[in-house]
């Protein structure tokens, strides 16, 4: 009997196994890698292990001992020979700006030095920064295998000389304003999609079948069109010499010399992203509206309720599962959007996703990119938990 029951279970598990393997390989593994990279960076610790061991007992204020200078010079020369010094210098430079050139120049000069009376004087004569405690503190902090500096940087924080966490100078605060802008823009686009999509979904749900199919097709055709094509189309429409400005000038609403700048700024980002994400709001709301019997509104009207009263007290509450599903979809998609802001956003229309892409592709600071991505993931999880607490995730419906 037990064997007869186990066979269907094994068959079901075998059918699910390819999907489970796909999810593990394409979602779980990259997610774990991202979270690991955000806190784990062994490069400096593996390259300068003896120097870091000697700095462990250093007071952090005075100039280190002669043994530290001798060991550091030897390990830097060795790292230069095995071509790992550049990556070490880059990581130290992220802690204290300007130290990359100091480390690279010193290693190049020290490579030609065989014996000296004092390694301390030799290194300080090459670069005076070696005589400053902040240089060695930067090496010490960059040498932490498990570190929070990427998260501190992502939140515009830094460690002071005494180790306390403080805000970075105003001119260096980049990521918090960008994160706030991303959340505000995502929320605004979600509200715009709801304001535009809810009436459209209502019209489709209550139209005759032929008209409803046509309207639904008009919603789906842009949805099927390439994202790149839709985004570049808005460049043609919104640019200064584009269709929208030409129409406004032709109608006499604005003068030719007062054309409105609607592209390569936040206006272009909001307009293009709202258009791209609108189907994700319309379809869940429409799928819920389609299941609501029209007799409910008629019954409310027969009991003396006006249309606004019947809508607010009868119809709207029943559409909340679709509204919640559409809002979650739009917000989560918009918070991580990259292509549209990159093409139409310009400098003022960039979002945090563009900065993540910059660190992944250009600056190669993968630890900071992973920290920024983890913070975005935390925002999405927090929103999900808030929605579950206020509305209930079991009420969310996609169809």
Protein backbone atom coordinates (compact mmCIF):
# COMPACT_ATOMS: atom_id res chain seq x y z
CA UNK A 1 0.00 0.00 0.00
CA UNK A 2 2.80 2.39 0.97
CA UNK A 3 4.66 1.56 -2.25
CA UNK A 4 1.55 2.27 -4.33
CA UNK A 5 1.23 5.72 -2.72
CA UNK A 6 4.94 6.47 -3.03
CA UNK A 7 5.08 5.88 -6.79
CA UNK A 8 2.72 8.81 -7.72
CA UNK A 9 4.62 11.06 -5.31
CA UNK A 10 7.95 10.17 -6.92
CA UNK A 11 6.45 10.71 -10.38
CA UNK A 12 5.17 14.15 -9.33
CA UNK A 13 8.57 15.02 -7.83
CA UNK A 14 10.30 13.97 -11.07
CA UNK A 15 7.99 16.23 -13.08
CA UNK A 16 8.73 19.20 -10.81
CA UNK A 17 12.48 18.53 -10.68
CA UNK A 18 13.39 20.39 -13.94
CA UNK A 19 11.48 23.47 -12.81
CA UNK A 20 13.10 23.32 -9.36
CA UNK A 21 16.55 23.02 -10.91
CA UNK A 22 15.82 25.93 -13.23
CA UNK A 23 14.69 28.15 -10.33
CA UNK A 24 17.73 27.19 -8.26
CA UNK A 25 20.14 27.91 -11.12
CA UNK A 26 18.60 31.15 -12.40
CA UNK A 27 17.15 32.73 -9.25
CA UNK A 28 18.32 31.25 -5.94
CA UNK A 29 22.00 30.86 -6.86
CA UNK A 30 22.40 34.42 -8.27
CA UNK A 31 20.53 35.80 -5.25
CA UNK A 32 22.82 34.01 -2.82
CA UNK A 33 25.85 35.16 -4.81
CA UNK A 34 24.66 38.77 -4.68
CA UNK A 35 24.06 38.67 -0.93
CA UNK A 36 27.47 37.05 -0.41
CA UNK A 37 29.35 39.59 -2.53
CA UNK A 38 27.75 42.45 -0.61
CA UNK A 39 29.50 41.44 2.63
CA UNK A 40 32.43 39.20 1.59
CA UNK A 41 35.57 40.57 -0.08
CA UNK A 42 38.74 38.52 0.56
CA UNK A 43 40.97 40.13 -2.10
CA UNK A 44 43.08 42.38 0.15
CA UNK A 45 43.17 39.84 2.99
CA UNK A 46 44.48 37.13 0.65
CA UNK A 47 47.10 39.42 -0.92
CA UNK A 48 48.43 41.21 2.18
CA UNK A 49 47.90 38.65 4.97
CA UNK A 50 51.10 39.32 6.94
CA UNK A 51 50.69 43.09 6.80
CA UNK A 52 47.14 42.83 8.12
CA UNK A 53 48.25 40.44 10.86
CA UNK A 54 50.82 42.99 12.07
CA UNK A 55 48.24 45.81 11.86
CA UNK A 56 45.90 43.83 14.08
CA UNK A 57 47.77 45.03 17.20
CA UNK A 58 48.35 48.57 15.87
CA UNK A 59 46.72 51.41 17.83
CA UNK A 60 45.34 53.06 14.66
CA UNK A 61 46.71 56.51 15.50
CA UNK A 62 50.50 56.50 15.35
CA UNK A 63 52.74 55.45 12.48
CA UNK A 64 53.10 51.62 12.32
CA UNK A 65 56.31 49.86 13.24
CA UNK A 66 59.25 49.17 10.94
CA UNK A 67 58.13 45.55 10.62
CA UNK A 68 54.80 46.67 9.11
CA UNK A 69 56.57 48.79 6.48
CA UNK A 70 58.98 46.00 5.57
CA UNK A 71 56.22 43.39 5.29
CA UNK A 72 53.93 45.70 3.32
CA UNK A 73 56.66 46.56 0.83
CA UNK A 74 57.51 42.88 0.32
CA UNK A 75 53.85 41.86 -0.18
CA UNK A 76 53.13 44.78 -2.52
CA UNK A 77 56.10 43.87 -4.71
CA UNK A 78 54.97 40.23 -4.78
CA UNK A 79 51.40 41.32 -5.67
CA UNK A 80 52.76 43.48 -8.48
CA UNK A 81 54.63 40.49 -9.89
CA UNK A 82 51.55 38.24 -9.86
CA UNK A 83 49.39 41.09 -11.27
CA UNK A 84 46.96 41.28 -8.34
CA UNK A 85 48.15 44.63 -6.98
CA UNK A 86 45.78 46.65 -9.18
CA UNK A 87 42.72 44.98 -7.68
CA UNK A 88 44.08 45.47 -4.17
CA UNK A 89 44.83 49.14 -4.82
CA UNK A 90 41.34 49.65 -6.24
CA UNK A 91 39.71 48.23 -3.11
CA UNK A 92 41.88 50.35 -0.80
CA UNK A 93 41.08 53.39 -2.94
CA UNK A 94 37.35 52.78 -2.36
CA UNK A 95 37.98 53.20 1.37
CA UNK A 96 40.28 56.22 1.08
CA UNK A 97 40.28 58.11 -2.20
CA UNK A 98 43.66 58.73 -3.81
CA UNK A 99 45.50 55.68 -2.47
CA UNK A 100 45.46 53.66 -5.69
CA UNK A 101 48.19 55.81 -7.25
CA UNK A 102 50.13 55.75 -3.96
CA UNK A 103 50.16 51.94 -3.83
CA UNK A 104 50.93 51.43 -7.52
CA UNK A 105 53.75 53.99 -7.59
CA UNK A 106 55.28 52.67 -4.35
CA UNK A 107 55.27 49.06 -5.57
CA UNK A 108 56.86 50.11 -8.85
CA UNK A 109 59.66 51.96 -7.04
CA UNK A 110 60.13 49.31 -4.34
CA UNK A 111 60.50 46.64 -7.00
CA UNK A 112 63.93 48.13 -7.82
CA UNK A 113 65.01 48.37 -4.17
CA UNK A 114 66.96 45.43 -2.76
CA UNK A 115 68.11 46.57 0.68
CA UNK A 116 67.58 49.73 2.70
CA UNK A 117 68.41 50.86 6.21
CA UNK A 118 64.79 51.78 6.96
CA UNK A 119 61.78 50.62 4.97
CA UNK A 120 59.71 53.26 6.75
CA UNK A 121 61.87 56.10 5.45
CA UNK A 122 62.09 54.52 2.00
CA UNK A 123 58.31 54.27 1.61
CA UNK A 124 57.63 57.72 3.04
CA UNK A 125 60.24 59.21 0.70
CA UNK A 126 58.37 57.64 -2.24
CA UNK A 127 54.93 58.77 -1.07
CA UNK A 128 54.45 60.93 2.09
CA UNK A 129 50.99 59.36 2.58
CA UNK A 130 52.71 56.27 4.07
CA UNK A 131 53.53 58.35 7.11
CA UNK A 132 49.86 59.09 7.78
CA UNK A 133 47.74 56.83 9.96
CA UNK A 134 44.68 57.14 7.67
CA UNK A 135 46.55 55.28 4.90
CA UNK A 136 47.09 52.24 7.10
CA UNK A 137 43.56 52.45 8.49
CA UNK A 138 42.29 52.27 4.92
CA UNK A 139 44.39 49.14 4.24
CA UNK A 140 43.16 47.63 7.49
CA UNK A 141 39.50 48.26 6.65
CA UNK A 142 39.89 47.10 3.06
CA UNK A 143 41.41 43.88 4.42
CA UNK A 144 38.27 42.82 6.27
CA UNK A 145 36.93 39.62 4.73
CA UNK A 146 33.44 40.13 6.17
CA UNK A 147 32.64 43.81 5.87
CA UNK A 148 29.73 46.23 6.07
CA UNK A 149 31.49 49.00 4.14
CA UNK A 150 29.52 48.30 0.96
CA UNK A 151 26.23 48.77 2.80
CA UNK A 152 27.57 51.87 4.55
CA UNK A 153 28.59 53.31 1.18
CA UNK A 154 25.22 52.40 -0.33
CA UNK A 155 23.51 54.35 2.48
CA UNK A 156 25.91 57.33 2.18
CA UNK A 157 27.58 56.47 5.49
CA UNK A 158 31.22 56.09 6.45
CA UNK A 159 33.37 55.20 9.42
CA UNK A 160 35.11 58.07 11.19
CA UNK A 161 38.70 57.93 12.43
CA UNK A 162 37.48 56.57 15.77
CA UNK A 163 35.36 53.88 14.06
CA UNK A 164 31.98 55.53 14.59
CA UNK A 165 29.46 55.56 11.72
CA UNK A 166 28.67 59.05 10.36
CA UNK A 167 27.04 60.54 7.28
CA UNK A 168 29.29 61.32 4.36
CA UNK A 169 29.83 64.99 3.42
CA UNK A 170 26.83 66.48 1.54
CA UNK A 171 28.71 66.62 -1.78
CA UNK A 172 29.35 62.86 -1.61
CA UNK A 173 25.82 61.74 -0.77
CA UNK A 174 24.67 60.02 -3.94
CA UNK A 175 22.83 56.82 -3.17
CA UNK A 176 20.27 57.85 -0.54
CA UNK A 177 18.83 60.67 -2.71
CA UNK A 178 18.82 58.26 -5.66
CA UNK A 179 17.08 55.58 -3.60
CA UNK A 180 14.47 58.08 -2.38
CA UNK A 181 13.93 59.23 -5.96
CA UNK A 182 13.51 55.64 -7.12
CA UNK A 183 10.92 54.86 -4.43
CA UNK A 184 9.05 58.12 -5.10
CA UNK A 185 9.03 57.58 -8.87
CA UNK A 186 7.93 53.95 -8.49
CA UNK A 187 5.09 54.98 -6.17
CA UNK A 188 4.07 57.81 -8.52
CA UNK A 189 4.06 55.50 -11.54
CA UNK A 190 1.98 52.97 -9.60
CA UNK A 191 -0.59 55.67 -8.78
CA UNK A 192 -0.64 56.92 -12.38
CA UNK A 193 -1.11 53.39 -13.72
CA UNK A 194 -3.98 52.87 -11.27
CA UNK A 195 -5.66 56.16 -12.22
CA UNK A 196 -5.35 55.37 -15.93
CA UNK A 197 -5.80 51.62 -15.79
CA UNK A 198 -8.78 51.31 -13.46
CA UNK A 199 -11.26 53.22 -15.72
CA UNK A 200 -9.88 51.38 -18.76
CA UNK A 201 -10.32 48.01 -17.08
CA UNK A 202 -13.87 49.02 -16.03
CA UNK A 203 -14.68 50.02 -19.62
CA UNK A 204 -13.39 46.71 -20.99
CA UNK A 205 -15.21 44.65 -18.35
CA UNK A 206 -18.58 46.31 -19.05
CA UNK A 207 -18.34 46.74 -22.82
CA UNK A 208 -20.13 44.45 -25.29
CA UNK A 209 -18.04 41.38 -26.22
CA UNK A 210 -16.82 42.63 -29.61
CA UNK A 211 -15.84 46.05 -28.28
CA UNK A 212 -14.27 44.51 -25.17
CA UNK A 213 -12.13 42.22 -27.32
CA UNK A 214 -10.98 45.18 -29.42
CA UNK A 215 -10.11 47.25 -26.34
CA UNK A 216 -8.30 44.31 -24.78
CA UNK A 217 -6.34 43.85 -28.00
CA UNK A 218 -5.32 47.52 -27.92
CA UNK A 219 -3.98 46.96 -24.39
CA UNK A 220 -2.10 43.80 -25.35
CA UNK A 221 -0.52 44.99 -28.63
CA UNK A 222 1.85 47.45 -26.87
CA UNK A 223 2.44 44.73 -24.28
CA UNK A 224 3.66 42.42 -27.03
CA UNK A 225 5.82 45.09 -28.66
CA UNK A 226 9.52 45.17 -27.87
CA UNK A 227 10.38 47.28 -24.81
CA UNK A 228 13.21 48.94 -26.71
CA UNK A 229 10.86 49.90 -29.55
CA UNK A 230 8.28 51.38 -27.18
CA UNK A 231 10.91 53.35 -25.30
CA UNK A 232 12.61 54.78 -28.39
CA UNK A 233 9.18 55.71 -29.78
CA UNK A 234 8.73 58.06 -26.84
CA UNK A 235 12.01 59.76 -27.76
CA UNK A 236 10.49 60.60 -31.16
CA UNK A 237 7.26 61.81 -29.57
CA UNK A 238 8.65 63.84 -26.66
CA UNK A 239 11.83 65.43 -27.99
CA UNK A 240 11.94 69.21 -28.45
CA UNK A 241 11.32 68.91 -32.19
CA UNK A 242 9.05 65.91 -31.73
CA UNK A 243 5.41 65.18 -32.44
CA UNK A 244 4.00 66.44 -29.13
CA UNK A 245 5.80 69.78 -29.23
CA UNK A 246 4.97 70.24 -32.93
CA UNK A 247 1.29 69.64 -32.16
CA UNK A 248 1.29 72.11 -29.26
CA UNK A 249 2.95 74.74 -31.45
CA UNK A 250 0.51 74.07 -34.33
CA UNK A 251 -2.45 74.51 -31.97
CA UNK A 252 -1.00 77.76 -30.66
CA UNK A 253 -0.77 76.49 -27.09
CA UNK A 254 2.95 77.32 -26.86
CA UNK A 255 5.29 79.52 -28.86
CA UNK A 256 7.87 77.93 -31.13
CA UNK A 257 10.72 79.30 -29.02
CA UNK A 258 9.13 77.96 -25.82
CA UNK A 259 9.05 74.28 -26.68
CA UNK A 260 8.78 72.06 -23.61
CA UNK A 261 11.68 69.80 -22.63
CA UNK A 262 9.99 66.42 -22.03
CA UNK A 263 12.81 64.01 -22.77
CA UNK A 264 16.12 63.19 -21.07
CA UNK A 265 14.65 64.22 -17.74
CA UNK A 266 12.27 62.85 -15.13
CA UNK A 267 9.22 63.72 -17.27
CA UNK A 268 10.38 61.37 -20.01
CA UNK A 269 11.10 58.62 -17.50
CA UNK A 270 7.65 58.85 -15.88
CA UNK A 271 5.75 59.02 -19.18
CA UNK A 272 7.61 56.14 -20.83
CA UNK A 273 7.53 53.89 -17.77
CA UNK A 274 3.81 54.54 -17.18
CA UNK A 275 3.08 53.52 -20.77
CA UNK A 276 5.25 50.39 -20.52
CA UNK A 277 3.80 49.24 -17.18
CA UNK A 278 0.14 50.15 -17.74
CA UNK A 279 -0.86 46.64 -19.00
CA UNK A 280 0.42 45.14 -15.75
CA UNK A 281 -2.23 47.18 -13.94
CA UNK A 282 -5.06 46.81 -16.44
CA UNK A 283 -4.97 43.03 -16.81
CA UNK A 284 -5.20 42.02 -13.09
CA UNK A 285 -7.90 44.63 -12.41
CA UNK A 286 -9.87 43.59 -15.50
CA UNK A 287 -9.64 39.89 -14.59
CA UNK A 288 -11.24 40.64 -11.19
CA UNK A 289 -13.88 43.04 -12.57
CA UNK A 290 -14.98 40.42 -15.06
CA UNK A 291 -16.03 38.11 -12.22
CA UNK A 292 -18.20 40.71 -10.42
CA UNK A 293 -21.90 40.19 -11.30
CA UNK A 294 -23.54 43.41 -12.64
CA UNK A 295 -26.57 42.63 -10.46
CA UNK A 296 -24.67 43.87 -7.39
CA UNK A 297 -24.68 47.45 -8.61
CA UNK A 298 -28.31 47.16 -9.73
CA UNK A 299 -29.27 45.83 -6.30
CA UNK A 300 -27.49 48.73 -4.62
CA UNK A 301 -29.29 51.20 -6.90
CA UNK A 302 -32.65 49.58 -6.15
CA UNK A 303 -31.98 50.14 -2.46
CA UNK A 304 -31.57 53.87 -3.05
CA UNK A 305 -27.80 54.17 -3.41
CA UNK A 306 -26.45 56.63 -5.96
CA UNK A 307 -23.78 55.42 -8.40
CA UNK A 308 -20.88 56.95 -6.40
CA UNK A 309 -22.23 55.37 -3.20
CA UNK A 310 -22.73 51.98 -4.84
CA UNK A 311 -19.32 52.14 -6.44
CA UNK A 312 -17.56 53.08 -3.19
CA UNK A 313 -19.37 50.61 -0.93
CA UNK A 314 -20.11 47.68 -3.27
CA UNK A 315 -17.94 47.66 -6.38
CA UNK A 316 -14.59 49.12 -5.23
CA UNK A 317 -14.07 46.69 -2.29
CA UNK A 318 -14.58 43.72 -4.60
CA UNK A 319 -11.89 44.97 -7.00
CA UNK A 320 -9.26 45.43 -4.29
CA UNK A 321 -7.60 42.01 -4.92
CA UNK A 322 -6.95 43.02 -8.53
CA UNK A 323 -5.87 46.53 -7.54
CA UNK A 324 -3.45 45.07 -5.01
CA UNK A 325 -2.01 42.59 -7.50
CA UNK A 326 -1.60 45.24 -10.20
CA UNK A 327 -0.05 47.74 -7.78
CA UNK A 328 2.46 45.19 -6.51
CA UNK A 329 3.40 44.19 -10.05
CA UNK A 330 3.86 47.77 -11.24
CA UNK A 331 5.78 48.91 -8.17
CA UNK A 332 8.12 45.92 -8.10
CA UNK A 333 8.83 46.19 -11.84
CA UNK A 334 9.34 49.95 -11.77
CA UNK A 335 11.68 49.91 -8.77
CA UNK A 336 14.18 47.84 -10.74
CA UNK A 337 13.69 49.35 -14.21
CA UNK A 338 16.90 50.04 -16.12
CA UNK A 339 16.47 50.34 -19.91
CA UNK A 340 13.78 53.03 -19.96
CA UNK A 341 15.48 55.47 -17.52
CA UNK A 342 18.80 54.87 -19.30
CA UNK A 343 17.34 55.80 -22.70
CA UNK A 344 14.94 58.63 -21.88
CA UNK A 345 15.89 59.73 -18.36
CA UNK A 346 19.05 61.75 -18.94
CA UNK A 347 20.95 62.82 -15.82
CA UNK A 348 17.93 63.87 -13.75
CA UNK A 349 15.81 60.87 -14.73
CA UNK A 350 18.18 58.12 -13.62
CA UNK A 351 17.13 55.60 -10.97
CA UNK A 352 19.08 53.39 -8.58
CA UNK A 353 19.07 50.55 -11.13
CA UNK A 354 21.22 52.65 -13.47
CA UNK A 355 23.80 53.10 -10.70
CA UNK A 356 23.81 49.34 -10.06
CA UNK A 357 24.45 48.74 -13.77
CA UNK A 358 27.26 51.34 -13.71
CA UNK A 359 29.06 49.57 -10.86
CA UNK A 360 28.57 46.16 -12.49
CA UNK A 361 29.75 47.18 -15.97
CA UNK A 362 32.10 50.15 -15.62
CA UNK A 363 33.50 50.73 -12.14
CA UNK A 364 33.48 46.93 -11.47
CA UNK A 365 32.62 47.55 -7.83
CA UNK A 366 30.49 44.43 -7.59
CA UNK A 367 30.33 44.56 -3.80
CA UNK A 368 28.66 47.98 -3.85
CA UNK A 369 26.36 46.92 -6.70
CA UNK A 370 25.37 43.83 -4.68
CA UNK A 371 24.71 45.98 -1.60
CA UNK A 372 22.49 48.35 -3.59
CA UNK A 373 20.64 45.37 -5.08
CA UNK A 374 20.18 43.86 -1.62
CA UNK A 375 18.71 47.12 -0.33
CA UNK A 376 16.26 47.16 -3.24
CA UNK A 377 15.37 43.55 -2.48
CA UNK A 378 14.75 44.54 1.16
CA UNK A 379 12.42 47.34 0.04
CA UNK A 380 10.41 44.90 -2.09
CA UNK A 381 10.18 42.35 0.74
CA UNK A 382 9.11 45.09 3.17
CA UNK A 383 6.39 46.20 0.74
CA UNK A 384 5.21 42.60 0.34
CA UNK A 385 5.00 42.14 4.13
CA UNK A 386 3.17 45.46 4.51
CA UNK A 387 0.66 44.47 1.84
CA UNK A 388 0.17 41.08 3.49
CA UNK A 389 -0.46 42.72 6.86
CA UNK A 390 -2.84 45.44 5.61
CA UNK A 391 -4.71 43.67 2.80
CA UNK A 392 -3.71 40.01 3.02
CA UNK A 393 -1.72 38.27 0.34
CA UNK A 394 -4.39 35.56 0.12
CA UNK A 395 -6.78 38.18 -1.31
CA UNK A 396 -4.47 39.07 -4.20
CA UNK A 397 -5.79 37.77 -7.50
CA UNK A 398 -4.30 37.78 -10.98
CA UNK A 399 -7.28 36.19 -12.63
